[in-house]
Amino acid sequence: MSETAIAAPKGLYLETFGCQMNVSDSEKIVSLLSDLGYRPVTDPALADLILLNTCSVRAKAESKVYDYLGRHRLRKLKNSRLIIGVGGCVAQQEGERLLKRVPYLDLVFGTHSLHLLPELVRGAERGERRSATEFIDTETRLNLFPQAADTGGITRFVTIMQGCDNFCSYCVVPYVRGREISRRSAEILGEIREMAGRGAREITLLGQNVNSYGLKSPDELHFADLLREIAAMDDIQRLRFTTSHPRDISPELIACFAELPKLCGHIHLPAQSGSDAILERMNRGYGREEYLATVTSLRKARPGLAVTGDIIIGFPGESEADFEATLSLLEEVRYADLFSFVYSERPETAAAGYSGQLSRGVKQQRLERLQRRQHEITGEICEALVGTVQRVLIEGVSRRGDQLTGRSDANRIVNVPGDASLIGQLVDVTICQSHPNSLLGELSREG
């Protein structure tokens, strides 16, 4: 045996809840902990460290966290050396209260504390229980955007800002993600160049409200300028972003859809309601007609633009007429896909104290009506694509293993028979069949 023993790798089991921002944060968590000898495992029974990267936007997502913690309790009882931690939005919201509520929990790290995670884990290995949920100010924002080790990949997420200043009356994001802070553009562009050098061909820019990127920094690029800089990179073939607040869609951003072929023909534009009265109570900062005018302008700039969105059903005070206005919004916009949820009270938000709270039965019945109609619209949109030729970036092998898979310009999953040598390439695909969650095609002769 050698004099210098090589430490065996330790298992990291990481569960991620919520948005793409959390998915991106989880990539950074894996990277940050690799220097401590932790390697990802897919079975919690093999883990030395279990982390939950959480979401608190909806009550159901938060309650799921406590359910998962309960499942891991028995593992902790059997293995006292097992470390269990909670990060993300629930951690930011609850902080020290989590440690008190869950006695077998070892560490809590908030949305601004990823850079502290290695220190917290080292402390937990020594038997310390700690919580870190302080917000970072703009002067120390480098710590807010740690980079994940670039392991390659055709499509990559890049965080460009965090937080939100809009304070919609139902939304907990400003309280758990903090106020808007934009990452420096030089750092963003440098990270994307590195990703491109490792094979990335599509970049998705992430933020709670990407449209407001740079607006609080006089010396920085604004969002449209940042898009143009990225689109000018030779190796980047496609560019996407999420999420957009309708109030902050600028004429310059709309022009990008007309002038930048690399910017994909899809936008996620949450309306939340089709009723002016409800939009006002939500503090969204726009009305129904303004929202529709924005959609019209975007589709004029990019004909055929696919729009996806979010809708909250059963907001306090929502009447049947308000709900019907939301249903009619679906008909006017014709969303390609829609994320819809019943309203749930969130701590610290203004709407939690509103009168006119609806019963669960009313909310659920309305949600089902809306989702049925949206399912029909999505099916109609997908069926209309049969026989058309779509430009698809091949990302890898499909789940079935006998086809390639990628996404169309409009962000629709497309499966196609083909050789693995096509991975990373843009190809023309003739759509042959429409399925609820994907399209099936064949390579076009021109592809």
Foldseek 3Di string as FASTA:
>chain_A
DDPDDDDAAFEEEEAEDDDVVRVQLVLQLQQLCVVVRYDYDPDCLRHLEYEYAFDPFDVVRVVVVVVVLVVCPVVCVVPVSRAYEYEEQVLLVQWVVVCVVRVSHAEGEALQGSLCVVVSVVVVNVVHRHYYRDHDDQVPCVSNQDHRDQPAFQEDEHEFKEADDQQFQQGCRCSRTNHIHGDALVVRVVVVVVRLVRQHAEYEYEYQAQLQHPVVPPVGDGNLVSVVVVLPDPSHQAYHYDDHQLVRCDPSNLLCLQVRPRYFLEYEYAPQFLQQVVCVNRSSPDHNVSSLVSLVSSCVSPPPRAYEYEYEFQQAPQDPVRLVSRLVSCVSNLHLYYHYYYRDHDPPGNSNPDHRRDDPVVRVVSVVVSVVVSLVSNQVVQVVQQQPKFWWAFGAADPVRQWTWTATSNGAIETEGDDRVSHSHTFIWHFHDGDSRHTYTYGDPRD
